[in-house]
Amino acid sequence: MKVTKPLMAAFCLASLAGISVPMAASAAVGIYLNVAPPAPRYEAVPAPRRGYLWVPGYWKARGNHHVWQAGHWERERRGYHYAQPTWIQRDNRWEFQRGGWSKGDADRDGVPNGVDRAPNDPNRR
């Protein structure tokens, strides 16, 4: 089988094009404020909705200020656990920990089942 020069050149160019595609970079951006968040606001918790989880409101950061994010409904995700956003004090600053869904935390203790010494233990807190 004879391979023609134009076909070989096209193959080489396609190979080089695949190598030269830049990889997407991602970086986690931390949110820090020098002032502690205010006390949580009172929110009336609505009646339960089938297939949904009520996420209470929390203080988020906008610029250099704390801004209240009202509570909302999240559709439940089978096999996932929802962690509430929180503020943690580190040194003399407050760091915002984003909440969200994490997979594989059957006992909802914040530790993924793969590294949990007692996974699926509903009494562990």
PDB file of N, CA and C in Angstrom:
ATOM      1  N   MET A   1       0.843  -1.175   0.000  1.00  0.00           N
ATOM      2  CA  MET A   1       0.000   0.000   0.000  1.00  0.00           C
ATOM      3  C   MET A   1       0.889   1.239   0.000  1.00  0.00           C
ATOM      4  N   LYS A   2       0.648   2.113  -0.925  1.00  0.00           N
ATOM      5  CA  LYS A   2       1.471   3.302  -1.067  1.00  0.00           C
ATOM      6  C   LYS A   2       0.729   4.494  -0.463  1.00  0.00           C
ATOM      7  N   VAL A   3       1.389   5.197   0.462  1.00  0.00           N
ATOM      8  CA  VAL A   3       0.813   6.380   1.090  1.00  0.00           C
ATOM      9  C   VAL A   3       1.355   7.596   0.369  1.00  0.00           C
ATOM     10  N   THR A   4       0.466   8.449  -0.051  1.00  0.00           N
ATOM     11  CA  THR A   4       0.900   9.616  -0.810  1.00  0.00           C
ATOM     12  C   THR A   4       1.429  10.691   0.126  1.00  0.00           C
ATOM     13  N   LYS A   5       2.277  11.535  -0.417  1.00  0.00           N
ATOM     14  CA  LYS A   5       2.864  12.615   0.375  1.00  0.00           C
ATOM     15  C   LYS A   5       1.808  13.573   0.939  1.00  0.00           C
ATOM     16  N   PRO A   6       0.800  13.990   0.179  1.00  0.00           N
ATOM     17  CA  PRO A   6      -0.209  14.899   0.751  1.00  0.00           C
ATOM     18  C   PRO A   6      -0.979  14.265   1.918  1.00  0.00           C
ATOM     19  N   LEU A   7      -1.270  12.967   1.814  1.00  0.00           N
ATOM     20  CA  LEU A   7      -1.974  12.290   2.891  1.00  0.00           C
ATOM     21  C   LEU A   7      -1.102  12.219   4.142  1.00  0.00           C
ATOM     22  N   MET A   8       0.178  11.925   3.972  1.00  0.00           N
ATOM     23  CA  MET A   8       1.117  11.867   5.097  1.00  0.00           C
ATOM     24  C   MET A   8       1.287  13.248   5.730  1.00  0.00           C
ATOM     25  N   ALA A   9       1.352  14.285   4.906  1.00  0.00           N
ATOM     26  CA  ALA A   9       1.488  15.648   5.433  1.00  0.00           C
ATOM     27  C   ALA A   9       0.240  16.043   6.229  1.00  0.00           C
ATOM     28  N   ALA A  10      -0.933  15.676   5.740  1.00  0.00           N
ATOM     29  CA  ALA A  10      -2.173  15.984   6.454  1.00  0.00           C
ATOM     30  C   ALA A  10      -2.209  15.263   7.798  1.00  0.00           C
ATOM     31  N   PHE A  11      -1.763  14.011   7.813  1.00  0.00           N
ATOM     32  CA  PHE A  11      -1.723  13.250   9.057  1.00  0.00           C
ATOM     33  C   PHE A  11      -0.776  13.898  10.066  1.00  0.00           C
ATOM     34  N   CYS A  12       0.386  14.323   9.632  1.00  0.00           N
ATOM     35  CA  CYS A  12       1.362  14.980  10.521  1.00  0.00           C
ATOM     36  C   CYS A  12       0.816  16.292  11.078  1.00  0.00           C
ATOM     37  N   LEU A  13       0.166  17.082  10.230  1.00  0.00           N
ATOM     38  CA  LEU A  13      -0.395  18.351  10.688  1.00  0.00           C
ATOM     39  C   LEU A  13      -1.508  18.115  11.712  1.00  0.00           C
ATOM     40  N   ALA A  14      -2.338  17.117  11.479  1.00  0.00           N
ATOM     41  CA  ALA A  14      -3.414  16.812  12.423  1.00  0.00           C
ATOM     42  C   ALA A  14      -2.844  16.365  13.765  1.00  0.00           C
ATOM     43  N   SER A  15      -1.767  15.595  13.750  1.00  0.00           N
ATOM     44  CA  SER A  15      -1.125  15.142  14.982  1.00  0.00           C
ATOM     45  C   SER A  15      -0.560  16.326  15.757  1.00  0.00           C
ATOM     46  N   LEU A  16       0.100  17.231  15.059  1.00  0.00           N
ATOM     47  CA  LEU A  16       0.677  18.404  15.719  1.00  0.00           C
ATOM     48  C   LEU A  16      -0.405  19.341  16.256  1.00  0.00           C
ATOM     49  N   ALA A  17      -1.512  19.459  15.547  1.00  0.00           N
ATOM     50  CA  ALA A  17      -2.602  20.326  15.999  1.00  0.00           C
ATOM     51  C   ALA A  17      -3.182  19.811  17.309  1.00  0.00           C
ATOM     52  N   GLY A  18      -3.287  18.502  17.454  1.00  0.00           N
ATOM     53  CA  GLY A  18      -3.800  17.927  18.697  1.00  0.00           C
ATOM     54  C   GLY A  18      -2.872  18.178  19.868  1.00  0.00           C
ATOM     55  N   ILE A  19      -1.582  18.188  19.627  1.00  0.00           N
ATOM     56  CA  ILE A  19      -0.606  18.431  20.691  1.00  0.00           C
ATOM     57  C   ILE A  19      -0.593  19.899  21.103  1.00  0.00           C
ATOM     58  N   SER A  20      -0.803  20.783  20.156  1.00  0.00           N
ATOM     59  CA  SER A  20      -0.662  22.209  20.443  1.00  0.00           C
ATOM     60  C   SER A  20      -1.910  22.840  21.051  1.00  0.00           C
ATOM     61  N   VAL A  21      -2.998  22.082  21.236  1.00  0.00           N
ATOM     62  CA  VAL A  21      -4.209  22.642  21.838  1.00  0.00           C
ATOM     63  C   VAL A  21      -3.923  22.919  23.311  1.00  0.00           C
ATOM     64  N   PRO A  22      -4.115  24.137  23.767  1.00  0.00           N
ATOM     65  CA  PRO A  22      -3.815  24.446  25.168  1.00  0.00           C
ATOM     66  C   PRO A  22      -4.804  23.758  26.102  1.00  0.00           C
ATOM     67  N   MET A  23      -4.303  23.374  27.258  1.00  0.00           N
ATOM     68  CA  MET A  23      -5.140  22.757  28.280  1.00  0.00           C
ATOM     69  C   MET A  23      -5.872  23.864  29.028  1.00  0.00           C
ATOM     70  N   ALA A  24      -7.102  23.596  29.429  1.00  0.00           N
ATOM     71  CA  ALA A  24      -7.877  24.567  30.201  1.00  0.00           C
ATOM     72  C   ALA A  24      -7.349  24.596  31.627  1.00  0.00           C
ATOM     73  N   ALA A  25      -7.108  25.753  32.136  1.00  0.00           N
ATOM     74  CA  ALA A  25      -6.623  25.906  33.506  1.00  0.00           C
ATOM     75  C   ALA A  25      -7.776  26.292  34.414  1.00  0.00           C
ATOM     76  N   SER A  26      -7.725  25.779  35.631  1.00  0.00           N
ATOM     77  CA  SER A  26      -8.736  26.163  36.602  1.00  0.00           C
ATOM     78  C   SER A  26      -8.038  26.493  37.905  1.00  0.00           C
ATOM     79  N   ALA A  27      -8.584  27.455  38.595  1.00  0.00           N
ATOM     80  CA  ALA A  27      -8.013  27.849  39.867  1.00  0.00           C
ATOM     81  C   ALA A  27      -9.137  28.203  40.827  1.00  0.00           C
ATOM     82  N   ALA A  28      -9.011  27.729  42.044  1.00  0.00           N
ATOM     83  CA  ALA A  28     -10.006  28.064  43.063  1.00  0.00           C
ATOM     84  C   ALA A  28      -9.681  29.449  43.612  1.00  0.00           C
ATOM     85  N   VAL A  29     -10.683  30.278  43.675  1.00  0.00           N
ATOM     86  CA  VAL A  29     -10.498  31.633  44.173  1.00  0.00           C
ATOM     87  C   VAL A  29     -11.124  31.713  45.551  1.00  0.00           C
ATOM     88  N   GLY A  30     -10.326  32.082  46.547  1.00  0.00           N
ATOM     89  CA  GLY A  30     -10.836  32.215  47.901  1.00  0.00           C
ATOM     90  C   GLY A  30     -11.442  33.589  48.115  1.00  0.00           C
ATOM     91  N   ILE A  31     -12.463  33.645  48.946  1.00  0.00           N
ATOM     92  CA  ILE A  31     -13.099  34.910  49.289  1.00  0.00           C
ATOM     93  C   ILE A  31     -12.822  35.179  50.753  1.00  0.00           C
ATOM     94  N   TYR A  32     -12.186  36.310  51.042  1.00  0.00           N
ATOM     95  CA  TYR A  32     -11.809  36.667  52.403  1.00  0.00           C
ATOM     96  C   TYR A  32     -12.326  38.060  52.735  1.00  0.00           C
ATOM     97  N   LEU A  33     -12.785  38.234  53.957  1.00  0.00           N
ATOM     98  CA  LEU A  33     -13.157  39.549  54.473  1.00  0.00           C
ATOM     99  C   LEU A  33     -12.542  39.708  55.855  1.00  0.00           C
ATOM    100  N   ASN A  34     -12.276  40.945  56.246  1.00  0.00           N
ATOM    101  CA  ASN A  34     -11.703  41.206  57.564  1.00  0.00           C
ATOM    102  C   ASN A  34     -12.759  41.329  58.651  1.00  0.00           C
ATOM    103  N   VAL A  35     -14.024  41.367  58.278  1.00  0.00           N
ATOM    104  CA  VAL A  35     -15.121  41.533  59.219  1.00  0.00           C
ATOM    105  C   VAL A  35     -15.953  40.258  59.256  1.00  0.00           C
ATOM    106  N   ALA A  36     -16.311  39.817  60.460  1.00  0.00           N
ATOM    107  CA  ALA A  36     -17.133  38.618  60.609  1.00  0.00           C
ATOM    108  C   ALA A  36     -18.520  38.855  60.007  1.00  0.00           C
ATOM    109  N   PRO A  37     -19.158  37.809  59.518  1.00  0.00           N
ATOM    110  CA  PRO A  37     -20.515  37.978  58.998  1.00  0.00           C
ATOM    111  C   PRO A  37     -21.491  38.278  60.131  1.00  0.00           C
ATOM    112  N   PRO A  38     -22.545  39.040  59.865  1.00  0.00           N
ATOM    113  CA  PRO A  38     -23.560  39.285  60.889  1.00  0.00           C
ATOM    114  C   PRO A  38     -24.280  37.990  61.257  1.00  0.00           C
ATOM    115  N   ALA A  39     -25.070  38.053  62.302  1.00  0.00           N
ATOM    116  CA  ALA A  39     -25.872  36.889  62.697  1.00  0.00           C
ATOM    117  C   ALA A  39     -26.852  36.552  61.574  1.00  0.00           C
ATOM    118  N   PRO A  40     -27.164  35.268  61.400  1.00  0.00           N
ATOM    119  CA  PRO A  40     -28.118  34.904  60.345  1.00  0.00           C
ATOM    120  C   PRO A  40     -29.471  35.569  60.560  1.00  0.00           C
ATOM    121  N   ARG A  41     -30.120  35.912  59.478  1.00  0.00           N
ATOM    122  CA  ARG A  41     -31.459  36.493  59.548  1.00  0.00           C
ATOM    123  C   ARG A  41     -32.482  35.385  59.765  1.00  0.00           C
ATOM    124  N   TYR A  42     -33.589  35.749  60.384  1.00  0.00           N
ATOM    125  CA  TYR A  42     -34.666  34.777  60.560  1.00  0.00           C
ATOM    126  C   TYR A  42     -35.402  34.614  59.241  1.00  0.00           C
ATOM    127  N   GLU A  43     -35.627  33.381  58.863  1.00  0.00           N
ATOM    128  CA  GLU A  43     -36.421  33.073  57.682  1.00  0.00           C
ATOM    129  C   GLU A  43     -37.422  31.987  58.065  1.00  0.00           C
ATOM    130  N   ALA A  44     -38.652  32.201  57.723  1.00  0.00           N
ATOM    131  CA  ALA A  44     -39.654  31.167  57.953  1.00  0.00           C
ATOM    132  C   ALA A  44     -39.377  30.030  56.976  1.00  0.00           C
ATOM    133  N   VAL A  45     -39.273  28.820  57.503  1.00  0.00           N
ATOM    134  CA  VAL A  45     -39.010  27.660  56.654  1.00  0.00           C
ATOM    135  C   VAL A  45     -40.330  27.187  56.067  1.00  0.00           C
ATOM    136  N   PRO A  46     -40.435  27.140  54.755  1.00  0.00           N
ATOM    137  CA  PRO A  46     -41.685  26.709  54.135  1.00  0.00           C
ATOM    138  C   PRO A  46     -41.962  25.223  54.380  1.00  0.00           C
ATOM    139  N   ALA A  47     -43.176  24.822  54.148  1.00  0.00           N
ATOM    140  CA  ALA A  47     -43.549  23.413  54.282  1.00  0.00           C
ATOM    141  C   ALA A  47     -42.710  22.570  53.319  1.00  0.00           C
ATOM    142  N   PRO A  48     -42.390  21.331  53.707  1.00  0.00           N
ATOM    143  CA  PRO A  48     -41.570  20.471  52.838  1.00  0.00           C
ATOM    144  C   PRO A  48     -42.199  20.268  51.464  1.00  0.00           C
ATOM    145  N   ARG A  49     -41.334  20.135  50.477  1.00  0.00           N
ATOM    146  CA  ARG A  49     -41.762  19.840  49.100  1.00  0.00           C
ATOM    147  C   ARG A  49     -41.126  18.532  48.687  1.00  0.00           C
ATOM    148  N   ARG A  50     -41.910  17.645  48.164  1.00  0.00           N
ATOM    149  CA  ARG A  50     -41.399  16.341  47.743  1.00  0.00           C
ATOM    150  C   ARG A  50     -40.359  16.511  46.633  1.00  0.00           C
ATOM    151  N   GLY A  51     -39.187  15.883  46.840  1.00  0.00           N
ATOM    152  CA  GLY A  51     -38.131  15.924  45.833  1.00  0.00           C
ATOM    153  C   GLY A  51     -37.243  17.156  45.914  1.00  0.00           C
ATOM    154  N   TYR A  52     -37.453  17.994  46.943  1.00  0.00           N
ATOM    155  CA  TYR A  52     -36.655  19.218  47.083  1.00  0.00           C
ATOM    156  C   TYR A  52     -36.104  19.339  48.496  1.00  0.00           C
ATOM    157  N   LEU A  53     -35.019  20.086  48.626  1.00  0.00           N
ATOM    158  CA  LEU A  53     -34.369  20.358  49.901  1.00  0.00           C
ATOM    159  C   LEU A  53     -34.366  21.863  50.108  1.00  0.00           C
ATOM    160  N   TRP A  54     -34.780  22.315  51.300  1.00  0.00           N
ATOM    161  CA  TRP A  54     -34.743  23.741  51.614  1.00  0.00           C
ATOM    162  C   TRP A  54     -33.342  24.108  52.064  1.00  0.00           C
ATOM    163  N   VAL A  55     -32.730  25.071  51.413  1.00  0.00           N
ATOM    164  CA  VAL A  55     -31.407  25.570  51.777  1.00  0.00           C
ATOM    165  C   VAL A  55     -31.610  26.908  52.469  1.00  0.00           C
ATOM    166  N   PRO A  56     -31.278  27.001  53.779  1.00  0.00           N
ATOM    167  CA  PRO A  56     -31.472  28.264  54.494  1.00  0.00           C
ATOM    168  C   PRO A  56     -30.608  29.386  53.918  1.00  0.00           C
ATOM    169  N   GLY A  57     -31.002  30.610  54.189  1.00  0.00           N
ATOM    170  CA  GLY A  57     -30.239  31.760  53.723  1.00  0.00           C
ATOM    171  C   GLY A  57     -28.896  31.861  54.423  1.00  0.00           C
ATOM    172  N   TYR A  58     -28.003  32.652  53.855  1.00  0.00           N
ATOM    173  CA  TYR A  58     -26.651  32.817  54.406  1.00  0.00           C
ATOM    174  C   TYR A  58     -26.086  34.153  53.934  1.00  0.00           C
ATOM    175  N   TRP A  59     -25.029  34.593  54.607  1.00  0.00           N
ATOM    176  CA  TRP A  59     -24.330  35.809  54.202  1.00  0.00           C
ATOM    177  C   TRP A  59     -23.269  35.453  53.179  1.00  0.00           C
ATOM    178  N   LYS A  60     -23.313  36.091  52.019  1.00  0.00           N
ATOM    179  CA  LYS A  60     -22.266  35.921  51.009  1.00  0.00           C
ATOM    180  C   LYS A  60     -21.505  37.237  50.896  1.00  0.00           C
ATOM    181  N   ALA A  61     -20.452  37.245  50.112  1.00  0.00           N
ATOM    182  CA  ALA A  61     -19.641  38.452  49.950  1.00  0.00           C
ATOM    183  C   ALA A  61     -19.897  39.076  48.593  1.00  0.00           C
ATOM    184  N   ARG A  62     -20.021  40.390  48.583  1.00  0.00           N
ATOM    185  CA  ARG A  62     -20.088  41.162  47.341  1.00  0.00           C
ATOM    186  C   ARG A  62     -19.191  42.366  47.568  1.00  0.00           C
ATOM    187  N   GLY A  63     -18.080  42.377  46.849  1.00  0.00           N
ATOM    188  CA  GLY A  63     -17.087  43.426  47.079  1.00  0.00           C
ATOM    189  C   GLY A  63     -16.488  43.205  48.457  1.00  0.00           C
ATOM    190  N   ASN A  64     -16.535  44.234  49.291  1.00  0.00           N
ATOM    191  CA  ASN A  64     -16.023  44.131  50.660  1.00  0.00           C
ATOM    192  C   ASN A  64     -17.148  44.100  51.679  1.00  0.00           C
ATOM    193  N   HIS A  65     -18.336  43.679  51.262  1.00  0.00           N
ATOM    194  CA  HIS A  65     -19.497  43.699  52.142  1.00  0.00           C
ATOM    195  C   HIS A  65     -20.142  42.331  52.227  1.00  0.00           C
ATOM    196  N   HIS A  66     -20.840  42.095  53.341  1.00  0.00           N
ATOM    197  CA  HIS A  66     -21.670  40.905  53.481  1.00  0.00           C
ATOM    198  C   HIS A  66     -23.046  41.234  52.924  1.00  0.00           C
ATOM    199  N   VAL A  67     -23.576  40.347  52.106  1.00  0.00           N
ATOM    200  CA  VAL A  67     -24.887  40.534  51.485  1.00  0.00           C
ATOM    201  C   VAL A  67     -25.696  39.268  51.758  1.00  0.00           C
ATOM    202  N   TRP A  68     -26.940  39.445  52.202  1.00  0.00           N
ATOM    203  CA  TRP A  68     -27.782  38.305  52.526  1.00  0.00           C
ATOM    204  C   TRP A  68     -28.287  37.612  51.267  1.00  0.00           C
ATOM    205  N   GLN A  69     -28.110  36.291  51.229  1.00  0.00           N
ATOM    206  CA  GLN A  69     -28.652  35.447  50.160  1.00  0.00           C
ATOM    207  C   GLN A  69     -29.826  34.701  50.767  1.00  0.00           C
ATOM    208  N   ALA A  70     -31.015  34.971  50.284  1.00  0.00           N
ATOM    209  CA  ALA A  70     -32.218  34.350  50.842  1.00  0.00           C
ATOM    210  C   ALA A  70     -32.214  32.842  50.600  1.00  0.00           C
ATOM    211  N   GLY A  71     -32.912  32.119  51.482  1.00  0.00           N
ATOM    212  CA  GLY A  71     -33.045  30.678  51.341  1.00  0.00           C
ATOM    213  C   GLY A  71     -33.772  30.322  50.055  1.00  0.00           C
ATOM    214  N   HIS A  72     -33.571  29.101  49.606  1.00  0.00           N
ATOM    215  CA  HIS A  72     -34.186  28.674  48.352  1.00  0.00           C
ATOM    216  C   HIS A  72     -34.310  27.151  48.327  1.00  0.00           C
ATOM    217  N   TRP A  73     -35.103  26.660  47.396  1.00  0.00           N
ATOM    218  CA  TRP A  73     -35.273  25.227  47.205  1.00  0.00           C
ATOM    219  C   TRP A  73     -34.220  24.705  46.238  1.00  0.00           C
ATOM    220  N   GLU A  74     -33.669  23.533  46.547  1.00  0.00           N
ATOM    221  CA  GLU A  74     -32.755  22.824  45.647  1.00  0.00           C
ATOM    222  C   GLU A  74     -33.375  21.462  45.346  1.00  0.00           C
ATOM    223  N   ARG A  75     -33.347  21.075  44.097  1.00  0.00           N
ATOM    224  CA  ARG A  75     -33.848  19.742  43.737  1.00  0.00           C
ATOM    225  C   ARG A  75     -32.899  18.698  44.335  1.00  0.00           C
ATOM    226  N   GLU A  76     -33.462  17.687  45.027  1.00  0.00           N
ATOM    227  CA  GLU A  76     -32.632  16.648  45.623  1.00  0.00           C
ATOM    228  C   GLU A  76     -31.885  15.882  44.545  1.00  0.00           C
ATOM    229  N   ARG A  77     -30.691  15.435  44.906  1.00  0.00           N
ATOM    230  CA  ARG A  77     -29.864  14.664  43.978  1.00  0.00           C
ATOM    231  C   ARG A  77     -29.518  13.344  44.648  1.00  0.00           C
ATOM    232  N   ARG A  78     -30.007  12.266  44.117  1.00  0.00           N
ATOM    233  CA  ARG A  78     -29.799  10.936  44.695  1.00  0.00           C
ATOM    234  C   ARG A  78     -28.306  10.617  44.768  1.00  0.00           C
ATOM    235  N   GLY A  79     -27.849  10.180  45.957  1.00  0.00           N
ATOM    236  CA  GLY A  79     -26.442   9.836  46.145  1.00  0.00           C
ATOM    237  C   GLY A  79     -25.560  11.020  46.483  1.00  0.00           C
ATOM    238  N   TYR A  80     -26.144  12.210  46.639  1.00  0.00           N
ATOM    239  CA  TYR A  80     -25.383  13.417  46.960  1.00  0.00           C
ATOM    240  C   TYR A  80     -25.866  14.004  48.285  1.00  0.00           C
ATOM    241  N   HIS A  81     -25.013  14.816  48.888  1.00  0.00           N
ATOM    242  CA  HIS A  81     -25.338  15.507  50.134  1.00  0.00           C
ATOM    243  C   HIS A  81     -25.063  16.994  49.922  1.00  0.00           C
ATOM    244  N   TYR A  82     -25.952  17.849  50.432  1.00  0.00           N
ATOM    245  CA  TYR A  82     -25.771  19.285  50.269  1.00  0.00           C
ATOM    246  C   TYR A  82     -25.084  19.858  51.506  1.00  0.00           C
ATOM    247  N   ALA A  83     -24.011  20.598  51.320  1.00  0.00           N
ATOM    248  CA  ALA A  83     -23.302  21.280  52.403  1.00  0.00           C
ATOM    249  C   ALA A  83     -23.633  22.766  52.328  1.00  0.00           C
ATOM    250  N   GLN A  84     -24.075  23.323  53.430  1.00  0.00           N
ATOM    251  CA  GLN A  84     -24.438  24.735  53.518  1.00  0.00           C
ATOM    252  C   GLN A  84     -23.194  25.615  53.409  1.00  0.00           C
ATOM    253  N   PRO A  85     -23.232  26.734  52.684  1.00  0.00           N
ATOM    254  CA  PRO A  85     -22.100  27.668  52.667  1.00  0.00           C
ATOM    255  C   PRO A  85     -21.853  28.214  54.080  1.00  0.00           C
ATOM    256  N   THR A  86     -20.601  28.382  54.443  1.00  0.00           N
ATOM    257  CA  THR A  86     -20.251  28.856  55.785  1.00  0.00           C
ATOM    258  C   THR A  86     -19.063  29.813  55.719  1.00  0.00           C
ATOM    259  N   TRP A  87     -18.856  30.521  56.815  1.00  0.00           N
ATOM    260  CA  TRP A  87     -17.691  31.382  56.995  1.00  0.00           C
ATOM    261  C   TRP A  87     -16.813  30.757  58.070  1.00  0.00           C
ATOM    262  N   ILE A  88     -15.496  30.706  57.826  1.00  0.00           N
ATOM    263  CA  ILE A  88     -14.544  30.147  58.782  1.00  0.00           C
ATOM    264  C   ILE A  88     -13.499  31.209  59.080  1.00  0.00           C
ATOM    265  N   GLN A  89     -13.199  31.389  60.377  1.00  0.00           N
ATOM    266  CA  GLN A  89     -12.190  32.371  60.751  1.00  0.00           C
ATOM    267  C   GLN A  89     -10.812  31.735  60.677  1.00  0.00           C
ATOM    268  N   ARG A  90      -9.925  32.375  59.931  1.00  0.00           N
ATOM    269  CA  ARG A  90      -8.533  31.938  59.807  1.00  0.00           C
ATOM    270  C   ARG A  90      -7.651  33.138  60.024  1.00  0.00           C
ATOM    271  N   ASP A  91      -6.787  33.026  61.017  1.00  0.00           N
ATOM    272  CA  ASP A  91      -5.951  34.153  61.436  1.00  0.00           C
ATOM    273  C   ASP A  91      -6.875  35.320  61.798  1.00  0.00           C
ATOM    274  N   ASN A  92      -6.706  36.457  61.173  1.00  0.00           N
ATOM    275  CA  ASN A  92      -7.552  37.618  61.478  1.00  0.00           C
ATOM    276  C   ASN A  92      -8.558  37.900  60.371  1.00  0.00           C
ATOM    277  N   ARG A  93      -8.794  36.915  59.511  1.00  0.00           N
ATOM    278  CA  ARG A  93      -9.723  37.108  58.397  1.00  0.00           C
ATOM    279  C   ARG A  93     -10.801  36.034  58.428  1.00  0.00           C
ATOM    280  N   TRP A  94     -11.854  36.290  57.685  1.00  0.00           N
ATOM    281  CA  TRP A  94     -12.947  35.337  57.533  1.00  0.00           C
ATOM    282  C   TRP A  94     -12.947  34.830  56.104  1.00  0.00           C
ATOM    283  N   GLU A  95     -12.956  33.506  55.949  1.00  0.00           N
ATOM    284  CA  GLU A  95     -12.937  32.886  54.623  1.00  0.00           C
ATOM    285  C   GLU A  95     -14.298  32.264  54.345  1.00  0.00           C
ATOM    286  N   PHE A  96     -14.815  32.526  53.151  1.00  0.00           N
ATOM    287  CA  PHE A  96     -16.096  31.981  52.732  1.00  0.00           C
ATOM    288  C   PHE A  96     -15.886  30.603  52.127  1.00  0.00           C
ATOM    289  N   GLN A  97     -16.576  29.606  52.679  1.00  0.00           N
ATOM    290  CA  GLN A  97     -16.540  28.242  52.151  1.00  0.00           C
ATOM    291  C   GLN A  97     -17.806  28.027  51.341  1.00  0.00           C
ATOM    292  N   ARG A  98     -17.660  27.860  50.050  1.00  0.00           N
ATOM    293  CA  ARG A  98     -18.826  27.664  49.188  1.00  0.00           C
ATOM    294  C   ARG A  98     -19.503  26.340  49.537  1.00  0.00           C
ATOM    295  N   GLY A  99     -20.782  26.353  49.514  1.00  0.00           N
ATOM    296  CA  GLY A  99     -21.541  25.126  49.733  1.00  0.00           C
ATOM    297  C   GLY A  99     -21.777  24.433  48.413  1.00  0.00           C
ATOM    298  N   GLY A 100     -22.526  23.374  48.461  1.00  0.00           N
ATOM    299  CA  GLY A 100     -22.868  22.683  47.232  1.00  0.00           C
ATOM    300  C   GLY A 100     -23.050  21.203  47.468  1.00  0.00           C
ATOM    301  N   TRP A 101     -23.256  20.508  46.397  1.00  0.00           N
ATOM    302  CA  TRP A 101     -23.510  19.078  46.447  1.00  0.00           C
ATOM    303  C   TRP A 101     -22.203  18.299  46.406  1.00  0.00           C
ATOM    304  N   SER A 102     -22.089  17.286  47.272  1.00  0.00           N
ATOM    305  CA  SER A 102     -20.934  16.388  47.230  1.00  0.00           C
ATOM    306  C   SER A 102     -21.449  14.963  47.103  1.00  0.00           C
ATOM    307  N   LYS A 103     -20.741  14.185  46.344  1.00  0.00           N
ATOM    308  CA  LYS A 103     -21.189  12.814  46.049  1.00  0.00           C
ATOM    309  C   LYS A 103     -20.600  11.824  47.033  1.00  0.00           C
ATOM    310  N   GLY A 104     -21.382  10.804  47.340  1.00  0.00           N
ATOM    311  CA  GLY A 104     -20.872   9.684  48.111  1.00  0.00           C
ATOM    312  C   GLY A 104     -20.684   9.957  49.583  1.00  0.00           C
ATOM    313  N   ASP A 105     -21.602  10.615  50.219  1.00  0.00           N
ATOM    314  CA  ASP A 105     -21.537  10.860  51.659  1.00  0.00           C
ATOM    315  C   ASP A 105     -22.838  10.340  52.260  1.00  0.00           C
ATOM    316  N   ALA A 106     -22.961   9.016  52.356  1.00  0.00           N
ATOM    317  CA  ALA A 106     -24.214   8.384  52.730  1.00  0.00           C
ATOM    318  C   ALA A 106     -24.696   8.785  54.122  1.00  0.00           C
ATOM    319  N   ASP A 107     -23.764   8.966  55.073  1.00  0.00           N
ATOM    320  CA  ASP A 107     -24.195   9.309  56.428  1.00  0.00           C
ATOM    321  C   ASP A 107     -24.210  10.815  56.688  1.00  0.00           C
ATOM    322  N   ARG A 108     -23.923  11.595  55.659  1.00  0.00           N
ATOM    323  CA  ARG A 108     -24.003  13.053  55.696  1.00  0.00           C
ATOM    324  C   ARG A 108     -23.166  13.694  56.809  1.00  0.00           C
ATOM    325  N   ASP A 109     -21.964  13.147  57.016  1.00  0.00           N
ATOM    326  CA  ASP A 109     -21.084  13.705  58.035  1.00  0.00           C
ATOM    327  C   ASP A 109     -20.013  14.606  57.441  1.00  0.00           C
ATOM    328  N   GLY A 110     -20.052  14.824  56.121  1.00  0.00           N
ATOM    329  CA  GLY A 110     -19.087  15.699  55.467  1.00  0.00           C
ATOM    330  C   GLY A 110     -17.834  14.984  55.003  1.00  0.00           C
ATOM    331  N   VAL A 111     -17.733  13.670  55.282  1.00  0.00           N
ATOM    332  CA  VAL A 111     -16.572  12.886  54.881  1.00  0.00           C
ATOM    333  C   VAL A 111     -17.007  11.918  53.777  1.00  0.00           C
ATOM    334  N   PRO A 112     -16.385  11.980  52.583  1.00  0.00           N
ATOM    335  CA  PRO A 112     -16.779  11.070  51.508  1.00  0.00           C
ATOM    336  C   PRO A 112     -16.621   9.610  51.929  1.00  0.00           C
ATOM    337  N   ASN A 113     -17.502   8.749  51.451  1.00  0.00           N
ATOM    338  CA  ASN A 113     -17.490   7.345  51.842  1.00  0.00           C
ATOM    339  C   ASN A 113     -16.137   6.679  51.627  1.00  0.00           C
ATOM    340  N   GLY A 114     -15.408   7.048  50.578  1.00  0.00           N
ATOM    341  CA  GLY A 114     -14.130   6.416  50.276  1.00  0.00           C
ATOM    342  C   GLY A 114     -13.077   6.597  51.348  1.00  0.00           C
ATOM    343  N   VAL A 115     -13.158   7.659  52.146  1.00  0.00           N
ATOM    344  CA  VAL A 115     -12.176   7.901  53.204  1.00  0.00           C
ATOM    345  C   VAL A 115     -12.805   7.897  54.590  1.00  0.00           C
ATOM    346  N   ASP A 116     -14.059   7.523  54.668  1.00  0.00           N
ATOM    347  CA  ASP A 116     -14.787   7.507  55.939  1.00  0.00           C
ATOM    348  C   ASP A 116     -14.557   6.173  56.645  1.00  0.00           C
ATOM    349  N   ARG A 117     -14.201   6.216  57.934  1.00  0.00           N
ATOM    350  CA  ARG A 117     -13.988   4.982  58.692  1.00  0.00           C
ATOM    351  C   ARG A 117     -15.296   4.277  59.015  1.00  0.00           C
ATOM    352  N   ALA A 118     -16.391   5.022  59.048  1.00  0.00           N
ATOM    353  CA  ALA A 118     -17.698   4.434  59.353  1.00  0.00           C
ATOM    354  C   ALA A 118     -18.728   4.934  58.368  1.00  0.00           C
ATOM    355  N   PRO A 119     -18.591   4.588  57.065  1.00  0.00           N
ATOM    356  CA  PRO A 119     -19.590   5.061  56.106  1.00  0.00           C
ATOM    357  C   PRO A 119     -20.959   4.428  56.377  1.00  0.00           C
ATOM    358  N   ASN A 120     -21.972   5.163  56.004  1.00  0.00           N
ATOM    359  CA  ASN A 120     -23.341   4.690  56.142  1.00  0.00           C
ATOM    360  C   ASN A 120     -23.776   4.543  57.587  1.00  0.00           C
ATOM    361  N   ASP A 121     -23.125   5.219  58.507  1.00  0.00           N
ATOM    362  CA  ASP A 121     -23.505   5.182  59.918  1.00  0.00           C
ATOM    363  C   ASP A 121     -24.366   6.409  60.194  1.00  0.00           C
ATOM    364  N   PRO A 122     -25.708   6.264  60.230  1.00  0.00           N
ATOM    365  CA  PRO A 122     -26.568   7.430  60.410  1.00  0.00           C
ATOM    366  C   PRO A 122     -26.470   8.056  61.792  1.00  0.00           C
ATOM    367  N   ASN A 123     -25.884   7.354  62.760  1.00  0.00           N
ATOM    368  CA  ASN A 123     -25.763   7.884  64.120  1.00  0.00           C
ATOM    369  C   ASN A 123     -24.490   8.690  64.318  1.00  0.00           C
ATOM    370  N   ARG A 124     -23.590   8.645  63.367  1.00  0.00           N
ATOM    371  CA  ARG A 124     -22.317   9.366  63.494  1.00  0.00           C
ATOM    372  C   ARG A 124     -22.520  10.816  63.115  1.00  0.00           C
ATOM    373  N   ARG A 125     -22.122  11.714  63.961  1.00  0.00           N
ATOM    374  CA  ARG A 125     -22.200  13.146  63.675  1.00  0.00           C
ATOM    375  C   ARG A 125     -20.943  13.823  64.114  1.00  0.00           C
TER     376      ARG A 125
END
